[in-house]
Amino acid sequence: MSSIKIRTKRQGEITLIRLLIEHPMETGRRREKDHGDLIPAHFIEHLSIQHNGKTVLESQFTTAISRDPYLSVRLRNGQSGDRIRVSWQDNLGLSDQEEITLP
């Protein structure tokens, strides 16, 4: 099961793409309540959105992004049948991707 949920909505010539990514987004500065040990940093570093294979957004994240990030992007000229692919990679080398077809 993917950590990425993608929802789209057509608004005239604009397609609204909404993303919810399940990720802990740990800063490396927070301590465990029981032991007081630092929780290691674990955050998304790179996010990419592609429309029919063409990159329309590339983003570098840092520890300043909250847990389970939500993003909203407006895409011009999205047509029924177009493919949207979202992918991310984190600082531990983990990654995920999800692809949908616009209705």
PDB file of N, CA and C in Angstrom:
ATOM      1  N   MET A   1       0.837  -1.175   0.000  1.00  0.00           N
ATOM      2  CA  MET A   1       0.000   0.000   0.000  1.00  0.00           C
ATOM      3  C   MET A   1       0.886   1.245   0.000  1.00  0.00           C
ATOM      4  N   SER A   2       0.547   2.175  -0.836  1.00  0.00           N
ATOM      5  CA  SER A   2       1.341   3.386  -0.982  1.00  0.00           C
ATOM      6  C   SER A   2       1.109   4.347   0.179  1.00  0.00           C
ATOM      7  N   SER A   3       2.131   5.117   0.489  1.00  0.00           N
ATOM      8  CA  SER A   3       2.019   6.148   1.530  1.00  0.00           C
ATOM      9  C   SER A   3       1.435   7.438   0.969  1.00  0.00           C
ATOM     10  N   ILE A   4       1.166   7.478  -0.343  1.00  0.00           N
ATOM     11  CA  ILE A   4       0.700   8.689  -1.013  1.00  0.00           C
ATOM     12  C   ILE A   4      -0.766   8.532  -1.413  1.00  0.00           C
ATOM     13  N   LYS A   5      -1.572   9.507  -1.027  1.00  0.00           N
ATOM     14  CA  LYS A   5      -2.966   9.552  -1.469  1.00  0.00           C
ATOM     15  C   LYS A   5      -3.109  10.761  -2.377  1.00  0.00           C
ATOM     16  N   ILE A   6      -3.655  10.544  -3.569  1.00  0.00           N
ATOM     17  CA  ILE A   6      -3.809  11.611  -4.554  1.00  0.00           C
ATOM     18  C   ILE A   6      -5.290  11.787  -4.850  1.00  0.00           C
ATOM     19  N   ARG A   7      -5.737  13.025  -4.804  1.00  0.00           N
ATOM     20  CA  ARG A   7      -7.106  13.378  -5.186  1.00  0.00           C
ATOM     21  C   ARG A   7      -7.023  14.517  -6.196  1.00  0.00           C
ATOM     22  N   THR A   8      -7.892  14.483  -7.197  1.00  0.00           N
ATOM     23  CA  THR A   8      -7.901  15.541  -8.208  1.00  0.00           C
ATOM     24  C   THR A   8      -9.313  16.082  -8.377  1.00  0.00           C
ATOM     25  N   LYS A   9      -9.384  17.334  -8.845  1.00  0.00           N
ATOM     26  CA  LYS A   9     -10.672  17.973  -9.105  1.00  0.00           C
ATOM     27  C   LYS A   9     -10.484  18.984 -10.224  1.00  0.00           C
ATOM     28  N   ARG A  10     -11.319  18.874 -11.251  1.00  0.00           N
ATOM     29  CA  ARG A  10     -11.269  19.816 -12.380  1.00  0.00           C
ATOM     30  C   ARG A  10     -11.999  21.093 -11.997  1.00  0.00           C
ATOM     31  N   GLN A  11     -11.376  22.242 -12.294  1.00  0.00           N
ATOM     32  CA  GLN A  11     -11.971  23.552 -12.061  1.00  0.00           C
ATOM     33  C   GLN A  11     -11.743  24.378 -13.330  1.00  0.00           C
ATOM     34  N   GLY A  12     -12.590  24.153 -14.339  1.00  0.00           N
ATOM     35  CA  GLY A  12     -12.392  24.819 -15.632  1.00  0.00           C
ATOM     36  C   GLY A  12     -11.159  24.263 -16.321  1.00  0.00           C
ATOM     37  N   GLU A  13     -10.203  25.134 -16.655  1.00  0.00           N
ATOM     38  CA  GLU A  13      -8.955  24.705 -17.299  1.00  0.00           C
ATOM     39  C   GLU A  13      -7.908  24.244 -16.296  1.00  0.00           C
ATOM     40  N   ILE A  14      -8.201  24.357 -15.019  1.00  0.00           N
ATOM     41  CA  ILE A  14      -7.254  24.008 -13.962  1.00  0.00           C
ATOM     42  C   ILE A  14      -7.662  22.680 -13.326  1.00  0.00           C
ATOM     43  N   THR A  15      -6.672  21.833 -13.070  1.00  0.00           N
ATOM     44  CA  THR A  15      -6.889  20.609 -12.315  1.00  0.00           C
ATOM     45  C   THR A  15      -6.200  20.780 -10.966  1.00  0.00           C
ATOM     46  N   LEU A  16      -6.968  20.673  -9.897  1.00  0.00           N
ATOM     47  CA  LEU A  16      -6.427  20.763  -8.547  1.00  0.00           C
ATOM     48  C   LEU A  16      -5.965  19.375  -8.133  1.00  0.00           C
ATOM     49  N   ILE A  17      -4.686  19.267  -7.786  1.00  0.00           N
ATOM     50  CA  ILE A  17      -4.101  17.998  -7.330  1.00  0.00           C
ATOM     51  C   ILE A  17      -3.806  18.144  -5.843  1.00  0.00           C
ATOM     52  N   ARG A  18      -4.415  17.274  -5.045  1.00  0.00           N
ATOM     53  CA  ARG A  18      -4.189  17.300  -3.602  1.00  0.00           C
ATOM     54  C   ARG A  18      -3.478  16.017  -3.189  1.00  0.00           C
ATOM     55  N   LEU A  19      -2.432  16.167  -2.383  1.00  0.00           N
ATOM     56  CA  LEU A  19      -1.613  15.038  -1.954  1.00  0.00           C
ATOM     57  C   LEU A  19      -1.578  14.952  -0.438  1.00  0.00           C
ATOM     58  N   LEU A  20      -1.675  13.758   0.083  1.00  0.00           N
ATOM     59  CA  LEU A  20      -1.445  13.491   1.490  1.00  0.00           C
ATOM     60  C   LEU A  20      -0.417  12.370   1.550  1.00  0.00           C
ATOM     61  N   ILE A  21       0.707  12.643   2.212  1.00  0.00           N
ATOM     62  CA  ILE A  21       1.795  11.663   2.290  1.00  0.00           C
ATOM     63  C   ILE A  21       1.964  11.242   3.745  1.00  0.00           C
ATOM     64  N   GLU A  22       1.835   9.956   4.003  1.00  0.00           N
ATOM     65  CA  GLU A  22       2.043   9.444   5.354  1.00  0.00           C
ATOM     66  C   GLU A  22       3.544   9.275   5.586  1.00  0.00           C
ATOM     67  N   HIS A  23       4.085  10.107   6.489  1.00  0.00           N
ATOM     68  CA  HIS A  23       5.509  10.057   6.792  1.00  0.00           C
ATOM     69  C   HIS A  23       5.751  10.702   8.148  1.00  0.00           C
ATOM     70  N   PRO A  24       6.638  10.145   8.985  1.00  0.00           N
ATOM     71  CA  PRO A  24       6.834  10.692  10.328  1.00  0.00           C
ATOM     72  C   PRO A  24       7.482  12.077  10.369  1.00  0.00           C
ATOM     73  N   MET A  25       8.303  12.408   9.402  1.00  0.00           N
ATOM     74  CA  MET A  25       8.950  13.725   9.314  1.00  0.00           C
ATOM     75  C   MET A  25       9.597  14.130  10.644  1.00  0.00           C
ATOM     76  N   GLU A  26      10.446  13.271  11.169  1.00  0.00           N
ATOM     77  CA  GLU A  26      11.163  13.554  12.422  1.00  0.00           C
ATOM     78  C   GLU A  26      12.334  14.492  12.168  1.00  0.00           C
ATOM     79  N   THR A  27      12.503  15.472  13.045  1.00  0.00           N
ATOM     80  CA  THR A  27      13.545  16.493  12.880  1.00  0.00           C
ATOM     81  C   THR A  27      14.912  16.039  13.370  1.00  0.00           C
ATOM     82  N   GLY A  28      14.944  15.081  14.283  1.00  0.00           N
ATOM     83  CA  GLY A  28      16.207  14.677  14.896  1.00  0.00           C
ATOM     84  C   GLY A  28      16.497  15.472  16.156  1.00  0.00           C
ATOM     85  N   ARG A  29      15.580  16.352  16.531  1.00  0.00           N
ATOM     86  CA  ARG A  29      15.764  17.182  17.728  1.00  0.00           C
ATOM     87  C   ARG A  29      14.806  16.807  18.862  1.00  0.00           C
ATOM     88  N   ARG A  30      13.817  15.986  18.562  1.00  0.00           N
ATOM     89  CA  ARG A  30      12.827  15.602  19.569  1.00  0.00           C
ATOM     90  C   ARG A  30      13.351  14.421  20.372  1.00  0.00           C
ATOM     91  N   ARG A  31      13.004  14.387  21.654  1.00  0.00           N
ATOM     92  CA  ARG A  31      13.467  13.309  22.532  1.00  0.00           C
ATOM     93  C   ARG A  31      12.323  12.354  22.875  1.00  0.00           C
ATOM     94  N   GLU A  32      12.689  11.084  23.083  1.00  0.00           N
ATOM     95  CA  GLU A  32      11.716  10.095  23.542  1.00  0.00           C
ATOM     96  C   GLU A  32      11.303  10.435  24.967  1.00  0.00           C
ATOM     97  N   LYS A  33      10.029  10.254  25.273  1.00  0.00           N
ATOM     98  CA  LYS A  33       9.534  10.577  26.615  1.00  0.00           C
ATOM     99  C   LYS A  33      10.083   9.626  27.673  1.00  0.00           C
ATOM    100  N   ASP A  34      10.204   8.343  27.330  1.00  0.00           N
ATOM    101  CA  ASP A  34      10.627   7.340  28.317  1.00  0.00           C
ATOM    102  C   ASP A  34      12.101   7.450  28.696  1.00  0.00           C
ATOM    103  N   HIS A  35      12.980   7.548  27.695  1.00  0.00           N
ATOM    104  CA  HIS A  35      14.423   7.462  27.938  1.00  0.00           C
ATOM    105  C   HIS A  35      15.146   8.799  27.783  1.00  0.00           C
ATOM    106  N   GLY A  36      14.542   9.726  27.088  1.00  0.00           N
ATOM    107  CA  GLY A  36      15.206  11.009  26.851  1.00  0.00           C
ATOM    108  C   GLY A  36      16.183  10.974  25.690  1.00  0.00           C
ATOM    109  N   ASP A  37      16.255   9.838  24.992  1.00  0.00           N
ATOM    110  CA  ASP A  37      17.152   9.727  23.836  1.00  0.00           C
ATOM    111  C   ASP A  37      16.575  10.514  22.662  1.00  0.00           C
ATOM    112  N   LEU A  38      17.463  11.061  21.845  1.00  0.00           N
ATOM    113  CA  LEU A  38      17.026  11.760  20.635  1.00  0.00           C
ATOM    114  C   LEU A  38      16.436  10.774  19.635  1.00  0.00           C
ATOM    115  N   ILE A  39      15.326  11.157  19.022  1.00  0.00           N
ATOM    116  CA  ILE A  39      14.734  10.363  17.950  1.00  0.00           C
ATOM    117  C   ILE A  39      15.470  10.745  16.673  1.00  0.00           C
ATOM    118  N   PRO A  40      16.036   9.776  15.954  1.00  0.00           N
ATOM    119  CA  PRO A  40      16.825  10.102  14.756  1.00  0.00           C
ATOM    120  C   PRO A  40      16.010  10.846  13.689  1.00  0.00           C
ATOM    121  N   ALA A  41      16.677  11.708  12.953  1.00  0.00           N
ATOM    122  CA  ALA A  41      16.026  12.443  11.863  1.00  0.00           C
ATOM    123  C   ALA A  41      15.526  11.462  10.810  1.00  0.00           C
ATOM    124  N   HIS A  42      14.306  11.714  10.342  1.00  0.00           N
ATOM    125  CA  HIS A  42      13.698  10.888   9.294  1.00  0.00           C
ATOM    126  C   HIS A  42      12.678  11.764   8.583  1.00  0.00           C
ATOM    127  N   PHE A  43      13.065  12.302   7.428  1.00  0.00           N
ATOM    128  CA  PHE A  43      12.203  13.256   6.737  1.00  0.00           C
ATOM    129  C   PHE A  43      12.352  13.121   5.226  1.00  0.00           C
ATOM    130  N   ILE A  44      11.310  13.540   4.505  1.00  0.00           N
ATOM    131  CA  ILE A  44      11.340  13.539   3.042  1.00  0.00           C
ATOM    132  C   ILE A  44      12.292  14.637   2.579  1.00  0.00           C
ATOM    133  N   GLU A  45      13.200  14.289   1.681  1.00  0.00           N
ATOM    134  CA  GLU A  45      14.145  15.265   1.134  1.00  0.00           C
ATOM    135  C   GLU A  45      13.728  15.762  -0.249  1.00  0.00           C
ATOM    136  N   HIS A  46      13.155  14.885  -1.044  1.00  0.00           N
ATOM    137  CA  HIS A  46      12.855  15.229  -2.430  1.00  0.00           C
ATOM    138  C   HIS A  46      11.459  14.750  -2.804  1.00  0.00           C
ATOM    139  N   LEU A  47      10.681  15.635  -3.429  1.00  0.00           N
ATOM    140  CA  LEU A  47       9.346  15.300  -3.912  1.00  0.00           C
ATOM    141  C   LEU A  47       9.258  15.713  -5.370  1.00  0.00           C
ATOM    142  N   SER A  48       8.644  14.873  -6.193  1.00  0.00           N
ATOM    143  CA  SER A  48       8.506  15.166  -7.615  1.00  0.00           C
ATOM    144  C   SER A  48       7.089  14.829  -8.074  1.00  0.00           C
ATOM    145  N   ILE A  49       6.532  15.703  -8.916  1.00  0.00           N
ATOM    146  CA  ILE A  49       5.234  15.445  -9.546  1.00  0.00           C
ATOM    147  C   ILE A  49       5.437  15.510 -11.052  1.00  0.00           C
ATOM    148  N   GLN A  50       4.950  14.471 -11.745  1.00  0.00           N
ATOM    149  CA  GLN A  50       5.053  14.423 -13.207  1.00  0.00           C
ATOM    150  C   GLN A  50       3.665  14.357 -13.823  1.00  0.00           C
ATOM    151  N   HIS A  51       3.521  15.032 -14.952  1.00  0.00           N
ATOM    152  CA  HIS A  51       2.282  15.022 -15.728  1.00  0.00           C
ATOM    153  C   HIS A  51       2.617  14.423 -17.081  1.00  0.00           C
ATOM    154  N   ASN A  52       2.095  13.242 -17.364  1.00  0.00           N
ATOM    155  CA  ASN A  52       2.400  12.514 -18.615  1.00  0.00           C
ATOM    156  C   ASN A  52       3.903  12.386 -18.842  1.00  0.00           C
ATOM    157  N   GLY A  53       4.651  12.094 -17.777  1.00  0.00           N
ATOM    158  CA  GLY A  53       6.093  11.879 -17.889  1.00  0.00           C
ATOM    159  C   GLY A  53       6.931  13.142 -17.833  1.00  0.00           C
ATOM    160  N   LYS A  54       6.315  14.310 -17.855  1.00  0.00           N
ATOM    161  CA  LYS A  54       7.040  15.575 -17.796  1.00  0.00           C
ATOM    162  C   LYS A  54       6.982  16.124 -16.371  1.00  0.00           C
ATOM    163  N   THR A  55       8.137  16.459 -15.809  1.00  0.00           N
ATOM    164  CA  THR A  55       8.189  16.979 -14.448  1.00  0.00           C
ATOM    165  C   THR A  55       7.565  18.364 -14.399  1.00  0.00           C
ATOM    166  N   VAL A  56       6.565  18.521 -13.527  1.00  0.00           N
ATOM    167  CA  VAL A  56       5.911  19.822 -13.358  1.00  0.00           C
ATOM    168  C   VAL A  56       6.225  20.432 -12.003  1.00  0.00           C
ATOM    169  N   LEU A  57       6.767  19.640 -11.067  1.00  0.00           N
ATOM    170  CA  LEU A  57       7.165  20.168  -9.768  1.00  0.00           C
ATOM    171  C   LEU A  57       8.259  19.297  -9.182  1.00  0.00           C
ATOM    172  N   GLU A  58       9.327  19.940  -8.733  1.00  0.00           N
ATOM    173  CA  GLU A  58      10.365  19.276  -7.952  1.00  0.00           C
ATOM    174  C   GLU A  58      10.568  20.119  -6.723  1.00  0.00           C
ATOM    175  N   SER A  59      10.616  19.470  -5.574  1.00  0.00           N
ATOM    176  CA  SER A  59      10.716  20.202  -4.324  1.00  0.00           C
ATOM    177  C   SER A  59      11.710  19.530  -3.395  1.00  0.00           C
ATOM    178  N   GLN A  60      12.482  20.354  -2.691  1.00  0.00           N
ATOM    179  CA  GLN A  60      13.385  19.876  -1.654  1.00  0.00           C
ATOM    180  C   GLN A  60      12.748  20.183  -0.315  1.00  0.00           C
ATOM    181  N   PHE A  61      12.534  19.170   0.512  1.00  0.00           N
ATOM    182  CA  PHE A  61      11.962  19.353   1.834  1.00  0.00           C
ATOM    183  C   PHE A  61      13.082  19.362   2.867  1.00  0.00           C
ATOM    184  N   THR A  62      12.780  19.902   4.045  1.00  0.00           N
ATOM    185  CA  THR A  62      13.699  19.880   5.183  1.00  0.00           C
ATOM    186  C   THR A  62      12.920  19.391   6.396  1.00  0.00           C
ATOM    187  N   THR A  63      13.528  19.496   7.541  1.00  0.00           N
ATOM    188  CA  THR A  63      12.874  19.069   8.776  1.00  0.00           C
ATOM    189  C   THR A  63      11.765  20.022   9.191  1.00  0.00           C
ATOM    190  N   ALA A  64      11.611  21.144   8.523  1.00  0.00           N
ATOM    191  CA  ALA A  64      10.593  22.133   8.891  1.00  0.00           C
ATOM    192  C   ALA A  64       9.187  21.734   8.444  1.00  0.00           C
ATOM    193  N   ILE A  65       9.046  20.673   7.676  1.00  0.00           N
ATOM    194  CA  ILE A  65       7.737  20.214   7.206  1.00  0.00           C
ATOM    195  C   ILE A  65       7.140  19.280   8.252  1.00  0.00           C
ATOM    196  N   SER A  66       5.852  19.452   8.520  1.00  0.00           N
ATOM    197  CA  SER A  66       5.194  18.670   9.575  1.00  0.00           C
ATOM    198  C   SER A  66       4.935  17.223   9.162  1.00  0.00           C
ATOM    199  N   ARG A  67       4.604  16.428  10.148  1.00  0.00           N
ATOM    200  CA  ARG A  67       4.280  15.016   9.949  1.00  0.00           C
ATOM    201  C   ARG A  67       3.105  14.886   8.981  1.00  0.00           C
ATOM    202  N   ASP A  68       3.112  13.841   8.156  1.00  0.00           N
ATOM    203  CA  ASP A  68       2.073  13.564   7.163  1.00  0.00           C
ATOM    204  C   ASP A  68       1.760  14.807   6.316  1.00  0.00           C
ATOM    205  N   PRO A  69       2.722  15.256   5.508  1.00  0.00           N
ATOM    206  CA  PRO A  69       2.538  16.497   4.744  1.00  0.00           C
ATOM    207  C   PRO A  69       1.356  16.437   3.768  1.00  0.00           C
ATOM    208  N   TYR A  70       0.672  17.575   3.661  1.00  0.00           N
ATOM    209  CA  TYR A  70      -0.431  17.766   2.725  1.00  0.00           C
ATOM    210  C   TYR A  70      -0.008  18.862   1.752  1.00  0.00           C
ATOM    211  N   LEU A  71      -0.151  18.608   0.456  1.00  0.00           N
ATOM    212  CA  LEU A  71       0.183  19.599  -0.559  1.00  0.00           C
ATOM    213  C   LEU A  71      -0.962  19.737  -1.535  1.00  0.00           C
ATOM    214  N   SER A  72      -1.080  20.923  -2.092  1.00  0.00           N
ATOM    215  CA  SER A  72      -2.093  21.201  -3.098  1.00  0.00           C
ATOM    216  C   SER A  72      -1.400  21.919  -4.255  1.00  0.00           C
ATOM    217  N   VAL A  73      -1.602  21.429  -5.474  1.00  0.00           N
ATOM    218  CA  VAL A  73      -0.946  21.970  -6.661  1.00  0.00           C
ATOM    219  C   VAL A  73      -1.994  22.178  -7.748  1.00  0.00           C
ATOM    220  N   ARG A  74      -1.896  23.280  -8.466  1.00  0.00           N
ATOM    221  CA  ARG A  74      -2.801  23.548  -9.594  1.00  0.00           C
ATOM    222  C   ARG A  74      -2.067  23.271 -10.896  1.00  0.00           C
ATOM    223  N   LEU A  75      -2.695  22.488 -11.744  1.00  0.00           N
ATOM    224  CA  LEU A  75      -2.123  22.087 -13.029  1.00  0.00           C
ATOM    225  C   LEU A  75      -2.993  22.625 -14.154  1.00  0.00           C
ATOM    226  N   ARG A  76      -2.384  23.313 -15.100  1.00  0.00           N
ATOM    227  CA  ARG A  76      -3.112  23.815 -16.272  1.00  0.00           C
ATOM    228  C   ARG A  76      -3.192  22.724 -17.337  1.00  0.00           C
ATOM    229  N   ASN A  77      -4.294  22.721 -18.052  1.00  0.00           N
ATOM    230  CA  ASN A  77      -4.486  21.864 -19.222  1.00  0.00           C
ATOM    231  C   ASN A  77      -4.446  20.368 -18.928  1.00  0.00           C
ATOM    232  N   GLY A  78      -4.854  19.965 -17.745  1.00  0.00           N
ATOM    233  CA  GLY A  78      -4.980  18.535 -17.465  1.00  0.00           C
ATOM    234  C   GLY A  78      -6.215  17.997 -18.171  1.00  0.00           C
ATOM    235  N   GLN A  79      -6.063  16.893 -18.870  1.00  0.00           N
ATOM    236  CA  GLN A  79      -7.165  16.303 -19.639  1.00  0.00           C
ATOM    237  C   GLN A  79      -7.497  14.913 -19.098  1.00  0.00           C
ATOM    238  N   SER A  80      -8.709  14.479 -19.329  1.00  0.00           N
ATOM    239  CA  SER A  80      -9.121  13.136 -18.953  1.00  0.00           C
ATOM    240  C   SER A  80      -8.178  12.122 -19.618  1.00  0.00           C
ATOM    241  N   GLY A  81      -7.693  11.174 -18.838  1.00  0.00           N
ATOM    242  CA  GLY A  81      -6.769  10.164 -19.356  1.00  0.00           C
ATOM    243  C   GLY A  81      -5.304  10.489 -19.116  1.00  0.00           C
ATOM    244  N   ASP A  82      -4.992  11.736 -18.731  1.00  0.00           N
ATOM    245  CA  ASP A  82      -3.607  12.113 -18.426  1.00  0.00           C
ATOM    246  C   ASP A  82      -3.133  11.383 -17.169  1.00  0.00           C
ATOM    247  N   ARG A  83      -1.819  11.103 -17.116  1.00  0.00           N
ATOM    248  CA  ARG A  83      -1.234  10.414 -15.971  1.00  0.00           C
ATOM    249  C   ARG A  83      -0.524  11.418 -15.055  1.00  0.00           C
ATOM    250  N   ILE A  84      -0.759  11.279 -13.762  1.00  0.00           N
ATOM    251  CA  ILE A  84      -0.077  12.069 -12.749  1.00  0.00           C
ATOM    252  C   ILE A  84       0.706  11.092 -11.878  1.00  0.00           C
ATOM    253  N   ARG A  85       2.006  11.328 -11.747  1.00  0.00           N
ATOM    254  CA  ARG A  85       2.856  10.471 -10.914  1.00  0.00           C
ATOM    255  C   ARG A  85       3.524  11.333  -9.843  1.00  0.00           C
ATOM    256  N   VAL A  86       3.422  10.874  -8.606  1.00  0.00           N
ATOM    257  CA  VAL A  86       4.043  11.551  -7.470  1.00  0.00           C
ATOM    258  C   VAL A  86       5.055  10.593  -6.864  1.00  0.00           C
ATOM    259  N   SER A  87       6.255  11.095  -6.582  1.00  0.00           N
ATOM    260  CA  SER A  87       7.270  10.256  -5.950  1.00  0.00           C
ATOM    261  C   SER A  87       8.044  11.071  -4.918  1.00  0.00           C
ATOM    262  N   TRP A  88       8.542  10.384  -3.892  1.00  0.00           N
ATOM    263  CA  TRP A  88       9.366  11.027  -2.883  1.00  0.00           C
ATOM    264  C   TRP A  88      10.497  10.105  -2.468  1.00  0.00           C
ATOM    265  N   GLN A  89      11.553  10.724  -1.899  1.00  0.00           N
ATOM    266  CA  GLN A  89      12.670   9.983  -1.333  1.00  0.00           C
ATOM    267  C   GLN A  89      13.065  10.682  -0.040  1.00  0.00           C
ATOM    268  N   ASP A  90      13.369   9.893   1.009  1.00  0.00           N
ATOM    269  CA  ASP A  90      13.721  10.520   2.280  1.00  0.00           C
ATOM    270  C   ASP A  90      15.207  10.386   2.598  1.00  0.00           C
ATOM    271  N   ASN A  91      15.612  10.953   3.730  1.00  0.00           N
ATOM    272  CA  ASN A  91      17.023  10.986   4.101  1.00  0.00           C
ATOM    273  C   ASN A  91      17.578   9.618   4.481  1.00  0.00           C
ATOM    274  N   LEU A  92      16.735   8.625   4.666  1.00  0.00           N
ATOM    275  CA  LEU A  92      17.196   7.272   4.973  1.00  0.00           C
ATOM    276  C   LEU A  92      17.239   6.388   3.729  1.00  0.00           C
ATOM    277  N   GLY A  93      16.949   6.971   2.573  1.00  0.00           N
ATOM    278  CA  GLY A  93      16.978   6.217   1.326  1.00  0.00           C
ATOM    279  C   GLY A  93      15.673   5.523   0.978  1.00  0.00           C
ATOM    280  N   LEU A  94      14.649   5.668   1.822  1.00  0.00           N
ATOM    281  CA  LEU A  94      13.341   5.086   1.521  1.00  0.00           C
ATOM    282  C   LEU A  94      12.640   5.951   0.483  1.00  0.00           C
ATOM    283  N   SER A  95      11.762   5.341  -0.296  1.00  0.00           N
ATOM    284  CA  SER A  95      11.047   6.092  -1.327  1.00  0.00           C
ATOM    285  C   SER A  95       9.693   5.440  -1.591  1.00  0.00           C
ATOM    286  N   ASP A  96       8.854   6.188  -2.264  1.00  0.00           N
ATOM    287  CA  ASP A  96       7.541   5.685  -2.657  1.00  0.00           C
ATOM    288  C   ASP A  96       7.075   6.465  -3.863  1.00  0.00           C
ATOM    289  N   GLN A  97       6.148   5.897  -4.610  1.00  0.00           N
ATOM    290  CA  GLN A  97       5.552   6.603  -5.735  1.00  0.00           C
ATOM    291  C   GLN A  97       4.134   6.093  -5.940  1.00  0.00           C
ATOM    292  N   GLU A  98       3.330   6.954  -6.511  1.00  0.00           N
ATOM    293  CA  GLU A  98       1.937   6.600  -6.830  1.00  0.00           C
ATOM    294  C   GLU A  98       1.578   7.285  -8.131  1.00  0.00           C
ATOM    295  N   GLU A  99       0.797   6.605  -8.947  1.00  0.00           N
ATOM    296  CA  GLU A  99       0.372   7.165 -10.234  1.00  0.00           C
ATOM    297  C   GLU A  99      -1.134   7.005 -10.371  1.00  0.00           C
ATOM    298  N   ILE A 100      -1.791   8.057 -10.877  1.00  0.00           N
ATOM    299  CA  ILE A 100      -3.220   7.984 -11.151  1.00  0.00           C
ATOM    300  C   ILE A 100      -3.455   8.479 -12.565  1.00  0.00           C
ATOM    301  N   THR A 101      -4.626   8.163 -13.083  1.00  0.00           N
ATOM    302  CA  THR A 101      -5.087   8.674 -14.373  1.00  0.00           C
ATOM    303  C   THR A 101      -6.222   9.634 -14.086  1.00  0.00           C
ATOM    304  N   LEU A 102      -6.159  10.833 -14.669  1.00  0.00           N
ATOM    305  CA  LEU A 102      -7.208  11.821 -14.467  1.00  0.00           C
ATOM    306  C   LEU A 102      -8.535  11.319 -15.042  1.00  0.00           C
ATOM    307  N   PRO A 103      -9.608  11.468 -14.277  1.00  0.00           N
ATOM    308  CA  PRO A 103     -10.918  10.996 -14.755  1.00  0.00           C
ATOM    309  C   PRO A 103     -11.461  11.881 -15.865  1.00  0.00           C
TER     310      PRO A 103
END
